[in-house]
Amino acid sequence: MGLYFKYFKIHFKSELQYKLSFIMSFIAQFFVFFGYYFTIICLFDKFSNIKGFTLYEVLLTFGIIQFGFSFCETFFRGIDQFDNLILKGYFDRLLLRPRNILLQVFCEEVSFIKLSRLIQSIIVLVIAIIKIDVVWNVEKIITLVFMLISSIFIFLSILIITAAYCFYTVKGLEVRNVLTCGCREMAQYPIGIFRKGFIIFFTCIVPFGFINYYPLLFILGKEVNKLLIISPLITLVYLVPSVIIFYRGMRRYSSVGS
């Protein structure tokens, strides 16, 4: 981790070389995120609930998903832009270093501009937690913490899998956008509001349901099964195969040469 923090400082100093550009981009990200938030507010201006879920219950889900996505975009930007390493031949450079490959990929880029989204997602979370009709106790707080951690894990897993896809196709932008942005747009609402096919997909294929739905039911008191407290940790099982797939894909990599 010491290596990551050294790169962290380097990227921070690099982005601050152009302070005005950094500030303007930071503000622009604020308005991008606000657009998503404003859409939900407008929706609930017309409807009091969506299949039994109120505004602040949906905002809690929204905040959790946006937190995980923004965290990965900020601190794991290198894996998000992995296809550029392949296209430009920079991946060869990483292979020559006696360090863990994935760690080096994570270190390649840190986007402090995306901190704007991360901060806003935390603000939305705080508002939802305060306003939501829930009597908080230790079990529900632990469940919420697991949901936040698992939100990071699921997006990181998807980014690693799409990076592995680049070993076969070089460019992975379309697949990455479908699995990250597409899933984010769907998962920022409780998946219980969708049709059965979507619920099965987001439970068995890409397990967002164990982040934004099943543990949410426990927090809201709609389910009492205490196994739902640890259900978000299922995403750890999803993370391990994604790392294995990445290293298997790496075997197919052929150097760009000189």
Protein backbone atom coordinates (compact mmCIF):
# COMPACT_ATOMS: atom_id res chain seq x y z
CA MET A 1 0.00 0.00 0.00
CA GLY A 2 3.00 2.25 0.49
CA LEU A 3 3.53 2.21 -3.28
CA TYR A 4 -0.08 3.27 -3.87
CA PHE A 5 0.20 6.24 -1.49
CA LYS A 6 3.39 7.41 -3.20
CA TYR A 7 1.57 7.43 -6.52
CA PHE A 8 -1.39 9.08 -4.77
CA LYS A 9 0.79 12.05 -3.79
CA ILE A 10 2.30 12.27 -7.27
CA HIS A 11 -1.11 12.36 -8.96
CA PHE A 12 -2.38 14.92 -6.47
CA LYS A 13 0.54 17.26 -7.15
CA SER A 14 0.15 16.69 -10.88
CA GLU A 15 -3.53 17.69 -10.95
CA LEU A 16 -2.85 20.81 -8.89
CA GLN A 17 -0.36 22.05 -11.47
CA TYR A 18 -3.36 23.56 -13.28
CA LYS A 19 -5.47 24.80 -10.39
CA LEU A 20 -8.11 26.66 -12.39
CA SER A 21 -8.69 23.68 -14.68
CA PHE A 22 -8.97 21.41 -11.65
CA ILE A 23 -11.50 23.70 -9.93
CA MET A 24 -13.64 24.06 -13.07
CA SER A 25 -13.66 20.30 -13.69
CA PHE A 26 -14.47 19.67 -10.03
CA ILE A 27 -17.47 22.02 -10.25
CA ALA A 28 -18.58 20.43 -13.55
CA GLN A 29 -18.68 17.01 -11.88
CA PHE A 30 -20.90 18.52 -9.20
CA PHE A 31 -23.54 19.44 -11.79
CA VAL A 32 -23.32 16.03 -13.47
CA PHE A 33 -24.10 14.30 -10.17
CA PHE A 34 -26.81 16.84 -9.33
CA GLY A 35 -28.57 15.86 -12.56
CA TYR A 36 -29.00 12.28 -11.29
CA TYR A 37 -30.21 13.52 -7.91
CA PHE A 38 -32.61 16.02 -9.47
CA THR A 39 -34.17 13.27 -11.62
CA ILE A 40 -35.15 11.28 -8.51
CA ILE A 41 -36.53 14.39 -6.78
CA CYS A 42 -38.66 15.19 -9.85
CA LEU A 43 -39.91 11.61 -9.98
CA PHE A 44 -41.13 11.71 -6.39
CA ASP A 45 -42.71 15.09 -6.96
CA LYS A 46 -45.33 13.17 -8.97
CA PHE A 47 -45.45 9.92 -6.96
CA SER A 48 -45.39 9.44 -3.19
CA ASN A 49 -43.67 6.06 -3.48
CA ILE A 50 -42.45 3.52 -6.02
CA LYS A 51 -43.76 0.05 -5.17
CA GLY A 52 -43.70 0.92 -1.48
CA PHE A 53 -40.30 2.64 -1.44
CA THR A 54 -40.35 6.29 -0.37
CA LEU A 55 -38.10 9.13 -1.51
CA TYR A 56 -35.52 8.80 1.26
CA GLU A 57 -35.43 5.01 0.98
CA VAL A 58 -34.59 5.37 -2.71
CA LEU A 59 -32.06 8.11 -1.92
CA LEU A 60 -30.37 5.75 0.54
CA THR A 61 -30.00 3.19 -2.26
CA PHE A 62 -28.91 5.92 -4.67
CA GLY A 63 -26.27 7.19 -2.24
CA ILE A 64 -24.85 3.72 -1.59
CA ILE A 65 -24.50 2.87 -5.28
CA GLN A 66 -23.10 6.28 -6.21
CA PHE A 67 -20.65 6.05 -3.30
CA GLY A 68 -19.19 2.77 -4.56
CA PHE A 69 -19.06 3.94 -8.18
CA SER A 70 -17.50 7.31 -7.34
CA PHE A 71 -14.97 5.71 -4.98
CA CYS A 72 -13.76 3.39 -7.75
CA GLU A 73 -13.70 6.21 -10.32
CA THR A 74 -11.59 8.28 -7.93
CA PHE A 75 -9.12 5.83 -6.43
CA PHE A 76 -9.09 2.98 -9.00
CA ARG A 77 -9.18 5.08 -12.16
CA GLY A 78 -6.21 3.16 -13.53
CA ILE A 79 -8.22 -0.06 -13.96
CA ASP A 80 -11.10 1.96 -15.41
CA GLN A 81 -8.78 3.20 -18.18
CA PHE A 82 -6.98 -0.11 -18.65
CA ASP A 83 -7.54 -0.29 -22.41
CA ASN A 84 -5.30 2.78 -22.82
CA LEU A 85 -2.42 0.85 -21.21
CA ILE A 86 -2.84 -1.87 -23.82
CA LEU A 87 -3.27 0.51 -26.78
CA LYS A 88 -0.27 2.68 -25.92
CA GLY A 89 1.97 -0.22 -24.94
CA TYR A 90 2.39 1.00 -21.36
CA PHE A 91 1.38 -2.39 -19.96
CA ASP A 92 4.79 -3.75 -21.02
CA ARG A 93 6.38 -1.28 -18.62
CA LEU A 94 4.32 -2.64 -15.72
CA LEU A 95 5.32 -6.22 -16.52
CA LEU A 96 9.00 -5.33 -16.13
CA ARG A 97 8.56 -4.07 -12.58
CA PRO A 98 8.83 -6.45 -9.61
CA ARG A 99 5.48 -5.40 -8.17
CA ASN A 100 1.94 -6.77 -8.20
CA ILE A 101 0.41 -6.04 -11.62
CA LEU A 102 -3.07 -5.08 -10.41
CA LEU A 103 -1.64 -2.76 -7.78
CA GLN A 104 0.44 -1.03 -10.44
CA VAL A 105 -2.64 -0.66 -12.66
CA PHE A 106 -4.54 0.94 -9.77
CA CYS A 107 -1.63 3.32 -9.27
CA GLU A 108 -1.57 4.44 -12.90
CA GLU A 109 -4.26 7.08 -12.37
CA VAL A 110 -6.10 8.70 -9.47
CA SER A 111 -8.86 11.15 -10.48
CA PHE A 112 -9.26 13.76 -7.76
CA ILE A 113 -11.84 15.54 -9.92
CA LYS A 114 -14.22 12.65 -9.21
CA LEU A 115 -13.98 13.45 -5.50
CA SER A 116 -16.79 15.90 -6.18
CA ARG A 117 -19.16 13.00 -6.88
CA LEU A 118 -17.89 11.05 -3.90
CA ILE A 119 -18.49 13.98 -1.54
CA GLN A 120 -21.98 14.53 -2.93
CA SER A 121 -22.88 10.85 -2.56
CA ILE A 122 -21.87 11.05 1.11
CA ILE A 123 -24.03 14.17 1.56
CA VAL A 124 -27.02 12.39 -0.01
CA LEU A 125 -26.39 9.39 2.25
CA VAL A 126 -26.33 11.56 5.36
CA ILE A 127 -29.58 13.29 4.34
CA ALA A 128 -31.27 9.95 3.65
CA ILE A 129 -30.09 8.44 6.94
CA ILE A 130 -31.41 11.42 8.88
CA LYS A 131 -34.75 11.62 7.07
CA ILE A 132 -35.54 7.93 6.59
CA ASP A 133 -38.15 6.37 8.86
CA VAL A 134 -35.82 3.87 10.56
CA VAL A 135 -34.91 3.30 14.19
CA TRP A 136 -31.18 2.72 13.90
CA ASN A 137 -29.45 0.10 16.05
CA VAL A 138 -26.09 -1.66 15.95
CA GLU A 139 -27.28 -4.38 13.56
CA LYS A 140 -28.67 -1.89 11.05
CA ILE A 141 -25.57 0.30 11.22
CA ILE A 142 -23.36 -2.75 10.54
CA THR A 143 -25.61 -3.69 7.62
CA LEU A 144 -25.25 -0.18 6.17
CA VAL A 145 -21.45 -0.31 6.51
CA PHE A 146 -21.38 -3.69 4.73
CA MET A 147 -23.55 -2.25 1.96
CA LEU A 148 -21.13 0.65 1.43
CA ILE A 149 -18.06 -1.61 1.39
CA SER A 150 -19.75 -4.08 -0.94
CA SER A 151 -20.74 -1.28 -3.30
CA ILE A 152 -17.03 -0.58 -3.78
CA PHE A 153 -16.23 -4.27 -4.23
CA ILE A 154 -18.89 -4.86 -6.89
CA PHE A 155 -17.81 -1.96 -9.09
CA LEU A 156 -14.15 -2.85 -8.63
CA SER A 157 -14.94 -6.44 -9.64
CA ILE A 158 -16.74 -5.26 -12.79
CA LEU A 159 -13.84 -2.97 -13.72
CA ILE A 160 -11.34 -5.82 -13.28
CA ILE A 161 -13.45 -8.13 -15.45
CA THR A 162 -13.77 -5.51 -18.20
CA ALA A 163 -10.01 -4.93 -17.98
CA ALA A 164 -9.49 -8.67 -18.55
CA TYR A 165 -11.80 -8.36 -21.57
CA CYS A 166 -9.27 -5.94 -23.08
CA PHE A 167 -6.69 -8.74 -23.35
CA TYR A 168 -8.97 -10.36 -25.93
CA THR A 169 -10.40 -7.33 -27.76
CA VAL A 170 -7.95 -4.49 -26.83
CA LYS A 171 -10.76 -1.91 -26.62
CA GLY A 172 -13.33 -2.50 -23.88
CA LEU A 173 -15.17 0.82 -23.67
CA GLU A 174 -18.64 -0.38 -24.73
CA VAL A 175 -18.66 -3.42 -22.45
CA ARG A 176 -17.28 -1.37 -19.57
CA ASN A 177 -19.97 1.28 -19.97
CA VAL A 178 -22.77 -1.29 -20.12
CA LEU A 179 -21.61 -3.08 -16.99
CA THR A 180 -20.65 0.00 -14.95
CA CYS A 181 -22.80 2.96 -16.04
CA GLY A 182 -25.68 0.73 -17.14
CA CYS A 183 -25.76 -1.29 -13.93
CA ARG A 184 -25.30 1.87 -11.88
CA GLU A 185 -28.36 3.48 -13.47
CA MET A 186 -30.48 0.41 -12.67
CA ALA A 187 -29.03 -0.33 -9.24
CA GLN A 188 -29.49 3.19 -7.86
CA TYR A 189 -33.13 2.15 -7.36
CA PRO A 190 -34.15 -0.86 -5.21
CA ILE A 191 -34.24 -3.75 -7.68
CA GLY A 192 -37.55 -4.91 -6.22
CA ILE A 193 -39.34 -2.26 -8.31
CA PHE A 194 -38.34 -4.00 -11.55
CA ARG A 195 -39.69 -7.09 -13.28
CA LYS A 196 -38.74 -10.59 -12.14
CA GLY A 197 -36.16 -11.04 -14.91
CA PHE A 198 -34.21 -7.98 -13.76
CA ILE A 199 -34.38 -9.12 -10.14
CA ILE A 200 -32.92 -12.53 -11.09
CA PHE A 201 -30.17 -10.88 -13.17
CA PHE A 202 -29.17 -8.47 -10.39
CA THR A 203 -29.23 -11.29 -7.84
CA CYS A 204 -27.52 -14.18 -9.63
CA ILE A 205 -25.43 -12.64 -12.43
CA VAL A 206 -24.34 -9.23 -11.15
CA PRO A 207 -25.26 -9.31 -7.44
CA PHE A 208 -26.33 -5.71 -6.90
CA GLY A 209 -29.40 -7.06 -5.13
CA PHE A 210 -27.22 -8.02 -2.17
CA ILE A 211 -26.12 -4.39 -1.90
CA ASN A 212 -29.17 -2.27 -2.57
CA TYR A 213 -32.20 -4.48 -1.97
CA TYR A 214 -32.08 -7.48 0.38
CA PRO A 215 -30.09 -5.76 3.17
CA LEU A 216 -32.24 -2.65 2.61
CA LEU A 217 -35.34 -4.71 3.43
CA PHE A 218 -33.72 -5.65 6.74
CA ILE A 219 -32.88 -2.01 7.54
CA LEU A 220 -36.46 -0.95 6.75
CA GLY A 221 -37.87 -3.72 8.92
CA LYS A 222 -39.57 -5.46 5.99
CA GLU A 223 -37.46 -8.59 6.59
CA VAL A 224 -36.21 -9.96 9.92
CA ASN A 225 -33.77 -12.63 8.72
CA LYS A 226 -30.45 -11.64 10.30
CA LEU A 227 -28.49 -13.37 7.55
CA LEU A 228 -29.33 -10.31 5.48
CA ILE A 229 -26.89 -8.35 7.65
CA ILE A 230 -23.93 -10.13 6.07
CA SER A 231 -25.55 -10.69 2.66
CA PRO A 232 -23.62 -7.76 1.08
CA LEU A 233 -20.38 -9.67 1.68
CA ILE A 234 -21.40 -12.03 -1.13
CA THR A 235 -19.71 -9.47 -3.40
CA LEU A 236 -16.38 -10.70 -2.01
CA VAL A 237 -17.10 -14.00 -3.73
CA TYR A 238 -17.61 -12.01 -6.92
CA LEU A 239 -14.31 -10.15 -6.50
CA VAL A 240 -12.11 -13.27 -6.24
CA PRO A 241 -13.12 -14.78 -9.63
CA SER A 242 -12.71 -11.38 -11.30
CA VAL A 243 -9.06 -11.24 -10.18
CA ILE A 244 -8.52 -14.83 -11.39
CA ILE A 245 -10.10 -13.96 -14.76
CA PHE A 246 -7.78 -10.94 -15.06
CA TYR A 247 -4.61 -12.98 -14.52
CA ARG A 248 -5.84 -15.71 -16.88
CA GLY A 249 -6.51 -13.06 -19.50
CA MET A 250 -3.02 -11.68 -18.98
CA ARG A 251 -1.62 -14.96 -20.36
CA ARG A 252 -3.04 -13.98 -23.75
CA TYR A 253 -1.25 -10.66 -23.76
CA SER A 254 1.43 -10.27 -26.41
CA SER A 255 3.88 -7.42 -26.15
CA VAL A 256 3.64 -4.48 -28.54
CA GLY A 257 7.35 -4.92 -29.17
CA SER A 258 9.73 -2.00 -29.57
